[in-house]
Amino acid sequence: MSATPDIDAFTRTYWDAAAEGRLLIRQCAACGRPHHYPREFCPYCWSEDVSWRPADGRATLYTWSVVHRNDLPPFGDRVPYVAAVVDLLEGPRMMTEVVGCDPRELRIGMELHVGFRTGSEDGAAVTVPVFGPAPDGV
């Protein structure tokens, strides 16, 4: 089992943007609602008139859990880590990891900002969005 995401023709735009340090979400032209994770249709109105849109990169912490044990590579080498759900400024919720912060300092509603981590497994490099404390002045 691989911990790297499956990248296909549809999601390649998302992963290429992440490698460039940009977070993308999908926006529906029919109902106007943004959503995440990337889908080829709107999960609210089922329209297929959706397109990529840059996300601001700001979020608030919705919930989290400190993971102390995970036997799947590469996660076992990272324990403990903070698995989290954040609310993006644009509205969608996103599963992610919180980095750069002592887990004891985390609070619901805490302001976070996107960052990107590049890793590789089985020779395949992938860049994933992660979130950390908002930089001063953001």
C-alpha atoms as a PDB file:
ATOM      1  CA  MET A   1       0.000   0.000   0.000  1.00  0.00           C
ATOM      2  CA  SER A   2       1.356   3.410  -0.988  1.00  0.00           C
ATOM      3  CA  ALA A   3       1.005   6.549   1.135  1.00  0.00           C
ATOM      4  CA  THR A   4       1.507   8.761  -1.899  1.00  0.00           C
ATOM      5  CA  PRO A   5      -1.665   9.969  -3.610  1.00  0.00           C
ATOM      6  CA  ASP A   6      -2.843   8.505  -6.877  1.00  0.00           C
ATOM      7  CA  ILE A   7      -2.146  11.173  -9.477  1.00  0.00           C
ATOM      8  CA  ASP A   8      -4.168  10.850 -12.659  1.00  0.00           C
ATOM      9  CA  ALA A   9      -4.984  13.092 -15.610  1.00  0.00           C
ATOM     10  CA  PHE A  10      -7.730  14.866 -13.660  1.00  0.00           C
ATOM     11  CA  THR A  11      -5.838  15.506 -10.391  1.00  0.00           C
ATOM     12  CA  ARG A  12      -2.483  16.297 -12.032  1.00  0.00           C
ATOM     13  CA  THR A  13      -3.383  20.031 -12.107  1.00  0.00           C
ATOM     14  CA  TYR A  14      -3.868  19.985  -8.321  1.00  0.00           C
ATOM     15  CA  TRP A  15      -0.592  18.179  -7.609  1.00  0.00           C
ATOM     16  CA  ASP A  16       1.408  20.255 -10.113  1.00  0.00           C
ATOM     17  CA  ALA A  17       0.123  23.439  -8.419  1.00  0.00           C
ATOM     18  CA  ALA A  18       1.099  22.055  -4.998  1.00  0.00           C
ATOM     19  CA  ALA A  19       4.622  21.394  -6.310  1.00  0.00           C
ATOM     20  CA  GLU A  20       4.707  25.101  -7.260  1.00  0.00           C
ATOM     21  CA  GLY A  21       3.530  26.162  -3.775  1.00  0.00           C
ATOM     22  CA  ARG A  22      -0.083  26.886  -4.760  1.00  0.00           C
ATOM     23  CA  LEU A  23      -3.249  25.403  -3.246  1.00  0.00           C
ATOM     24  CA  LEU A  24      -6.152  24.870  -5.634  1.00  0.00           C
ATOM     25  CA  ILE A  25      -9.805  24.129  -4.955  1.00  0.00           C
ATOM     26  CA  ARG A  26     -12.715  23.491  -7.312  1.00  0.00           C
ATOM     27  CA  GLN A  27     -15.439  26.089  -7.940  1.00  0.00           C
ATOM     28  CA  CYS A  28     -18.861  25.350  -9.454  1.00  0.00           C
ATOM     29  CA  ALA A  29     -20.040  27.830 -12.094  1.00  0.00           C
ATOM     30  CA  ALA A  30     -23.661  26.663 -11.741  1.00  0.00           C
ATOM     31  CA  CYS A  31     -24.186  27.185  -7.995  1.00  0.00           C
ATOM     32  CA  GLY A  32     -21.018  29.151  -7.180  1.00  0.00           C
ATOM     33  CA  ARG A  33     -19.915  26.900  -4.311  1.00  0.00           C
ATOM     34  CA  PRO A  34     -16.285  25.908  -3.873  1.00  0.00           C
ATOM     35  CA  HIS A  35     -15.384  22.383  -2.797  1.00  0.00           C
ATOM     36  CA  HIS A  36     -12.463  20.217  -1.834  1.00  0.00           C
ATOM     37  CA  TYR A  37     -11.310  17.393  -2.458  1.00  0.00           C
ATOM     38  CA  PRO A  38     -11.074  17.733  -6.252  1.00  0.00           C
ATOM     39  CA  ARG A  39     -13.987  16.165  -8.121  1.00  0.00           C
ATOM     40  CA  GLU A  40     -15.095  16.404 -11.734  1.00  0.00           C
ATOM     41  CA  PHE A  41     -18.599  17.454 -10.632  1.00  0.00           C
ATOM     42  CA  CYS A  42     -20.100  19.703  -7.969  1.00  0.00           C
ATOM     43  CA  PRO A  43     -21.041  17.701  -4.840  1.00  0.00           C
ATOM     44  CA  TYR A  44     -23.847  20.207  -4.107  1.00  0.00           C
ATOM     45  CA  CYS A  45     -25.745  20.547  -7.397  1.00  0.00           C
ATOM     46  CA  TRP A  46     -24.077  17.801  -9.477  1.00  0.00           C
ATOM     47  CA  SER A  47     -23.090  20.217 -12.243  1.00  0.00           C
ATOM     48  CA  GLU A  48     -20.052  19.286 -14.289  1.00  0.00           C
ATOM     49  CA  ASP A  49     -19.332  22.998 -14.899  1.00  0.00           C
ATOM     50  CA  VAL A  50     -16.519  23.180 -12.339  1.00  0.00           C
ATOM     51  CA  SER A  51     -13.059  24.646 -12.647  1.00  0.00           C
ATOM     52  CA  TRP A  52      -9.851  25.076 -10.677  1.00  0.00           C
ATOM     53  CA  ARG A  53      -9.429  28.185  -8.564  1.00  0.00           C
ATOM     54  CA  PRO A  54      -6.545  29.317  -6.367  1.00  0.00           C
ATOM     55  CA  ALA A  55      -7.243  29.174  -2.649  1.00  0.00           C
ATOM     56  CA  ASP A  56      -6.078  31.986  -0.389  1.00  0.00           C
ATOM     57  CA  GLY A  57      -4.126  29.567   1.803  1.00  0.00           C
ATOM     58  CA  ARG A  58      -5.657  30.696   5.085  1.00  0.00           C
ATOM     59  CA  ALA A  59      -7.663  28.329   7.257  1.00  0.00           C
ATOM     60  CA  THR A  60      -8.918  27.776  10.780  1.00  0.00           C
ATOM     61  CA  LEU A  61      -8.443  24.598  12.758  1.00  0.00           C
ATOM     62  CA  TYR A  62     -11.657  22.571  12.990  1.00  0.00           C
ATOM     63  CA  THR A  63     -10.357  19.452  14.766  1.00  0.00           C
ATOM     64  CA  TRP A  64      -7.171  17.434  15.199  1.00  0.00           C
ATOM     65  CA  SER A  65      -5.663  14.304  16.643  1.00  0.00           C
ATOM     66  CA  VAL A  66      -2.075  13.580  17.612  1.00  0.00           C
ATOM     67  CA  VAL A  67      -1.073  10.300  15.984  1.00  0.00           C
ATOM     68  CA  HIS A  68       1.471   8.375  18.048  1.00  0.00           C
ATOM     69  CA  ARG A  69       1.501   5.141  16.053  1.00  0.00           C
ATOM     70  CA  ASN A  70       1.155   4.486  12.341  1.00  0.00           C
ATOM     71  CA  ASP A  71       2.714   1.450  10.711  1.00  0.00           C
ATOM     72  CA  LEU A  72       2.245   2.671   7.130  1.00  0.00           C
ATOM     73  CA  PRO A  73       5.323   4.123   5.446  1.00  0.00           C
ATOM     74  CA  PRO A  74       6.288   6.953   5.518  1.00  0.00           C
ATOM     75  CA  PHE A  75       4.083   7.897   8.492  1.00  0.00           C
ATOM     76  CA  GLY A  76       5.828   5.627  10.991  1.00  0.00           C
ATOM     77  CA  ASP A  77       8.966   7.746  10.660  1.00  0.00           C
ATOM     78  CA  ARG A  78       7.007  10.937  11.448  1.00  0.00           C
ATOM     79  CA  VAL A  79       5.203   9.991  14.643  1.00  0.00           C
ATOM     80  CA  PRO A  80       3.999  11.786  16.549  1.00  0.00           C
ATOM     81  CA  TYR A  81       2.250  14.013  14.012  1.00  0.00           C
ATOM     82  CA  VAL A  82      -0.939  16.053  14.001  1.00  0.00           C
ATOM     83  CA  ALA A  83      -3.684  14.843  11.655  1.00  0.00           C
ATOM     84  CA  ALA A  84      -6.210  17.644  11.277  1.00  0.00           C
ATOM     85  CA  VAL A  85      -9.260  19.005   9.530  1.00  0.00           C
ATOM     86  CA  VAL A  86      -9.207  22.696   8.649  1.00  0.00           C
ATOM     87  CA  ASP A  87     -11.831  25.071   7.315  1.00  0.00           C
ATOM     88  CA  LEU A  88     -10.401  26.905   4.329  1.00  0.00           C
ATOM     89  CA  LEU A  89     -11.154  30.631   4.089  1.00  0.00           C
ATOM     90  CA  GLU A  90     -13.243  29.864   0.989  1.00  0.00           C
ATOM     91  CA  GLY A  91     -15.461  27.464   2.964  1.00  0.00           C
ATOM     92  CA  PRO A  92     -14.478  23.860   2.172  1.00  0.00           C
ATOM     93  CA  ARG A  93     -13.099  21.555   4.842  1.00  0.00           C
ATOM     94  CA  MET A  94      -9.822  19.820   4.162  1.00  0.00           C
ATOM     95  CA  MET A  95      -7.958  16.958   5.804  1.00  0.00           C
ATOM     96  CA  THR A  96      -4.304  17.825   6.342  1.00  0.00           C
ATOM     97  CA  GLU A  97      -1.431  17.798   8.787  1.00  0.00           C
ATOM     98  CA  VAL A  98      -0.527  20.616  11.171  1.00  0.00           C
ATOM     99  CA  VAL A  99       3.210  21.314  11.318  1.00  0.00           C
ATOM    100  CA  GLY A 100       5.464  23.814  13.063  1.00  0.00           C
ATOM    101  CA  CYS A 101       3.445  23.978  16.247  1.00  0.00           C
ATOM    102  CA  ASP A 102       3.511  22.215  19.598  1.00  0.00           C
ATOM    103  CA  PRO A 103       0.301  20.132  19.681  1.00  0.00           C
ATOM    104  CA  ARG A 104      -0.386  21.478  23.191  1.00  0.00           C
ATOM    105  CA  GLU A 105      -0.802  24.954  21.651  1.00  0.00           C
ATOM    106  CA  LEU A 106      -3.513  23.913  19.179  1.00  0.00           C
ATOM    107  CA  ARG A 107      -6.971  25.381  19.667  1.00  0.00           C
ATOM    108  CA  ILE A 108     -10.202  25.054  17.718  1.00  0.00           C
ATOM    109  CA  GLY A 109     -10.534  28.133  15.517  1.00  0.00           C
ATOM    110  CA  MET A 110      -6.773  28.738  15.487  1.00  0.00           C
ATOM    111  CA  GLU A 111      -5.643  30.578  12.369  1.00  0.00           C
ATOM    112  CA  LEU A 112      -3.432  28.508  10.098  1.00  0.00           C
ATOM    113  CA  HIS A 113      -1.679  29.063   6.790  1.00  0.00           C
ATOM    114  CA  VAL A 114      -0.830  26.583   4.058  1.00  0.00           C
ATOM    115  CA  GLY A 115       2.693  25.369   3.471  1.00  0.00           C
ATOM    116  CA  PHE A 116       3.970  22.524   1.344  1.00  0.00           C
ATOM    117  CA  ARG A 117       6.077  19.463   2.095  1.00  0.00           C
ATOM    118  CA  THR A 118       7.793  17.424  -0.583  1.00  0.00           C
ATOM    119  CA  GLY A 119       8.624  13.823   0.082  1.00  0.00           C
ATOM    120  CA  SER A 120       9.169  10.679  -1.866  1.00  0.00           C
ATOM    121  CA  GLU A 121       8.223   7.070  -1.588  1.00  0.00           C
ATOM    122  CA  ASP A 122       9.421   4.396  -3.968  1.00  0.00           C
ATOM    123  CA  GLY A 123      11.181   7.100  -5.980  1.00  0.00           C
ATOM    124  CA  ALA A 124       7.988   9.081  -6.600  1.00  0.00           C
ATOM    125  CA  ALA A 125       8.234  12.662  -5.313  1.00  0.00           C
ATOM    126  CA  VAL A 126       5.016  14.359  -4.305  1.00  0.00           C
ATOM    127  CA  THR A 127       4.302  17.725  -2.685  1.00  0.00           C
ATOM    128  CA  VAL A 128       1.395  17.887  -0.263  1.00  0.00           C
ATOM    129  CA  PRO A 129      -0.273  20.863   1.404  1.00  0.00           C
ATOM    130  CA  VAL A 130       0.217  21.081   5.167  1.00  0.00           C
ATOM    131  CA  PHE A 131      -0.824  23.843   7.541  1.00  0.00           C
ATOM    132  CA  GLY A 132       0.960  25.706  10.302  1.00  0.00           C
ATOM    133  CA  PRO A 133       0.503  28.785  12.452  1.00  0.00           C
ATOM    134  CA  ALA A 134      -0.295  31.870  10.438  1.00  0.00           C
ATOM    135  CA  PRO A 135       2.764  34.073   9.907  1.00  0.00           C
ATOM    136  CA  ASP A 136       2.687  37.431  11.657  1.00  0.00           C
ATOM    137  CA  GLY A 137       0.821  40.052   9.649  1.00  0.00           C
ATOM    138  CA  VAL A 138      -1.203  37.551   7.605  1.00  0.00           C
END
